[in-house]
Amino acid sequence: MSRRLWLIVPAAGQGRRMGADRPKQYLELAGRPILARTLARLHQAFPEARLCLCLDPDDAWFDPRWVPFADWRRTPGGTERVDSVSGALAAIAAEADTDDLVLVHDVARPCVTIDDLRRLRDAAFAAPAGAILAAPVADTMKRDDGRGRIRATEPRDGLWHALTPQGFGYGLLCRALETARAQGVAITDEASAVEALGLAPRLVSGRRDNLKVTHPDDLGLAGWILAAQDEPDRNPYRNPGEPA
């Protein structure tokens, strides 16, 4: 039996750090809501995938016309990201096989490239403990003293910024989240739950323009990145053979 691909996109956050009149996933980015742009990029890479879109039950901004997938469902989002992902996993329990691949992607990362998406999928299919997109830390890292001063400089060797998507087998991800929550393990992302089982997900080096829109100035930067990705002559970072 061929392994199916499921996409889970948590999109129930309120994005209060943006200081906007609506959740950040509905802010306009190059003429379309961030949510619509993220889903469009995922669909370009995986038109055959099955989508679980996790939304606040009281969400009044969502328009189903923004969803390009033929096979998709809306699932209730929770207070925390892990609540949304766990709810989506439960919603597909009757259909998903243990070995199916689940990719979880932040709705606020509309700039992830098709090439990175497909490389992550292939790596996650092949790695027993799953895989995540990540970027090696390039900056000097400082630890503060809790009072706004430097306490120490931390070695950056071997440090990575965790990105998304993060991909794991359906059965493994269910077990990891259930075990972590039962043991009171802090779940900062899906990989942290799998790590708590004693497993080591694979790191797949991803592009640094996979920006997460979090603060107001990120919106303008994301717009520039999308424009550069759409115009090869303006984008010296495009991978050879990657669609413009």
Foldseek 3Di string as FASTA:
>chain_A
DDAAEEEEEEDADFLVQAVDPGRQQQDDFPHGGLLLLQQVQVCVQCQPYAYEYAYAPPDPRDDVVSHPHPHYDYWHHDPDNLRRVLRSLVVCVVPHDQQHKYWYAYSQQSLFFSVVVVVQVVLQNVDQLWEFEKAQDDDFDFDPPVPPHTDDTDDSVPPIGTHDTTMHGSNLLNVLSVVCVVVVHDDPDSSSSSVVVVDDHHYDYGDPLSDGPRYNVVSVVVNVSVVCQQDVVSPPPDDPPGHD
